[in-house]
C-alpha atoms as a PDB file:
ATOM      1  CA  MET A   1    -107.582  51.726  47.860  1.00  0.00           C
ATOM      2  CA  PRO A   2    -104.006  52.116  46.568  1.00  0.00           C
ATOM      3  CA  VAL A   3    -101.515  49.322  47.148  1.00  0.00           C
ATOM      4  CA  GLN A   4     -97.875  50.262  47.553  1.00  0.00           C
ATOM      5  CA  VAL A   5     -95.332  47.994  45.862  1.00  0.00           C
ATOM      6  CA  GLN A   6     -91.585  48.216  45.350  1.00  0.00           C
ATOM      7  CA  LEU A   7     -89.847  48.248  41.975  1.00  0.00           C
ATOM      8  CA  ALA A   8     -87.035  45.732  41.478  1.00  0.00           C
ATOM      9  CA  LYS A   9     -84.223  45.571  38.931  1.00  0.00           C
ATOM     10  CA  TRP A  10     -84.989  43.090  36.153  1.00  0.00           C
ATOM     11  CA  GLY A  11     -82.149  42.963  33.627  1.00  0.00           C
ATOM     12  CA  ASN A  12     -81.706  46.526  32.358  1.00  0.00           C
ATOM     13  CA  SER A  13     -85.293  47.397  33.301  1.00  0.00           C
ATOM     14  CA  LEU A  14     -87.391  47.764  36.416  1.00  0.00           C
ATOM     15  CA  GLY A  15     -90.011  45.187  37.310  1.00  0.00           C
ATOM     16  CA  LEU A  16     -93.275  45.848  39.092  1.00  0.00           C
ATOM     17  CA  ARG A  17     -94.830  42.957  41.013  1.00  0.00           C
ATOM     18  CA  VAL A  18     -98.603  42.823  41.006  1.00  0.00           C
ATOM     19  CA  PRO A  19     -99.996  41.465  44.280  1.00  0.00           C
ATOM     20  CA  ARG A  20    -102.037  38.270  43.948  1.00  0.00           C
ATOM     21  CA  ASP A  21    -105.324  39.807  45.107  1.00  0.00           C
ATOM     22  CA  VAL A  22    -104.972  42.724  42.648  1.00  0.00           C
ATOM     23  CA  ALA A  23    -104.191  40.314  39.790  1.00  0.00           C
ATOM     24  CA  ALA A  24    -107.162  38.145  40.743  1.00  0.00           C
ATOM     25  CA  ARG A  25    -109.546  41.129  40.785  1.00  0.00           C
ATOM     26  CA  LEU A  26    -108.378  42.087  37.282  1.00  0.00           C
ATOM     27  CA  GLY A  27    -108.300  38.549  35.932  1.00  0.00           C
ATOM     28  CA  LEU A  28    -104.552  38.708  35.254  1.00  0.00           C
ATOM     29  CA  LYS A  29    -102.469  35.549  35.086  1.00  0.00           C
ATOM     30  CA  GLU A  30     -98.806  34.862  34.427  1.00  0.00           C
ATOM     31  CA  GLY A  31     -97.989  35.814  30.856  1.00  0.00           C
ATOM     32  CA  ALA A  32    -100.879  38.294  30.579  1.00  0.00           C
ATOM     33  CA  ARG A  33    -100.106  41.427  28.589  1.00  0.00           C
ATOM     34  CA  VAL A  34    -100.744  44.931  29.893  1.00  0.00           C
ATOM     35  CA  ASP A  35    -100.443  48.421  28.414  1.00  0.00           C
ATOM     36  CA  ILE A  36     -98.539  51.088  30.347  1.00  0.00           C
ATOM     37  CA  GLU A  37     -99.005  54.792  29.770  1.00  0.00           C
ATOM     38  CA  THR A  38     -97.582  57.780  31.587  1.00  0.00           C
ATOM     39  CA  LEU A  39     -99.565  60.896  32.329  1.00  0.00           C
ATOM     40  CA  ASP A  40     -98.266  64.458  32.481  1.00  0.00           C
ATOM     41  CA  ASP A  41     -98.949  64.633  36.223  1.00  0.00           C
ATOM     42  CA  GLY A  42     -96.417  61.827  36.917  1.00  0.00           C
ATOM     43  CA  ARG A  43     -98.909  59.001  37.187  1.00  0.00           C
ATOM     44  CA  MET A  44     -98.507  55.666  35.439  1.00  0.00           C
ATOM     45  CA  VAL A  45    -101.616  53.797  34.295  1.00  0.00           C
ATOM     46  CA  VAL A  46    -101.456  50.033  33.765  1.00  0.00           C
ATOM     47  CA  THR A  47    -104.359  48.559  31.795  1.00  0.00           C
ATOM     48  CA  ARG A  48    -105.113  44.996  30.771  1.00  0.00           C
ATOM     49  CA  SER A  49    -104.359  44.684  27.038  1.00  0.00           C
ATOM     50  CA  ARG A  50    -107.046  43.705  24.582  1.00  0.00           C
ATOM     51  CA  ARG A  51    -106.453  40.341  23.001  1.00  0.00           C
ATOM     52  CA  ARG A  52    -104.493  40.441  19.759  1.00  0.00           C
ATOM     53  CA  PHE A  53    -105.246  37.606  17.377  1.00  0.00           C
ATOM     54  CA  THR A  54    -102.613  36.044  15.140  1.00  0.00           C
ATOM     55  CA  LEU A  55    -103.281  35.697  11.424  1.00  0.00           C
ATOM     56  CA  ASP A  56    -103.529  31.916  11.863  1.00  0.00           C
ATOM     57  CA  GLU A  57    -106.204  32.373  14.549  1.00  0.00           C
ATOM     58  CA  LEU A  58    -108.167  34.713  12.324  1.00  0.00           C
ATOM     59  CA  LEU A  59    -107.945  32.443   9.293  1.00  0.00           C
ATOM     60  CA  ALA A  60    -108.889  29.321  11.280  1.00  0.00           C
ATOM     61  CA  GLY A  61    -112.530  30.441  11.240  1.00  0.00           C
ATOM     62  CA  MET A  62    -112.612  30.951   7.480  1.00  0.00           C
ATOM     63  CA  LYS A  63    -114.687  28.222   5.852  1.00  0.00           C
ATOM     64  CA  PRO A  64    -116.157  28.237   2.319  1.00  0.00           C
ATOM     65  CA  GLU A  65    -119.701  28.093   3.712  1.00  0.00           C
ATOM     66  CA  ARG A  66    -119.055  31.269   5.719  1.00  0.00           C
ATOM     67  CA  GLU A  67    -117.644  33.231   2.793  1.00  0.00           C
ATOM     68  CA  HIS A  68    -119.569  36.353   1.811  1.00  0.00           C
ATOM     69  CA  SER A  69    -120.253  37.055  -1.820  1.00  0.00           C
ATOM     70  CA  LEU A  70    -118.283  39.937  -3.254  1.00  0.00           C
ATOM     71  CA  GLU A  71    -120.263  43.036  -3.966  1.00  0.00           C
ATOM     72  CA  ASP A  72    -118.828  45.388  -6.526  1.00  0.00           C
ATOM     73  CA  ASP A  73    -120.239  48.482  -8.135  1.00  0.00           C
ATOM     74  CA  SER A  74    -120.703  48.450 -11.855  1.00  0.00           C
ATOM     75  CA  PRO A  75    -118.277  50.626 -13.861  1.00  0.00           C
ATOM     76  CA  LYS A  76    -118.971  54.355 -13.862  1.00  0.00           C
ATOM     77  CA  GLY A  77    -117.571  56.462 -16.657  1.00  0.00           C
ATOM     78  CA  GLU A  78    -114.611  55.342 -18.753  1.00  0.00           C
ATOM     79  CA  GLU A  79    -112.927  52.853 -16.397  1.00  0.00           C
ATOM     80  CA  ILE A  80    -114.062  49.777 -18.358  1.00  0.00           C
ATOM     81  CA  ILE A  81    -111.035  47.686 -19.269  1.00  0.00           C
END
């Protein structure tokens, strides 16, 4: 069931308030990121963004015991240095 909300001026942009029950159903909290796309028929689709990890977060799980051995093909042809 659609929920009608009103846009409000927010700096030089327009803000869209998400009602509490809608946010709760989608698991959205303050500071959550969403993606907005517009469709040719005039609709706007707002989707919860996938989590984006920082490099520090990705590297935090790197431990020597978890490192994979490098696999490399042997030289083919005349590329031997």
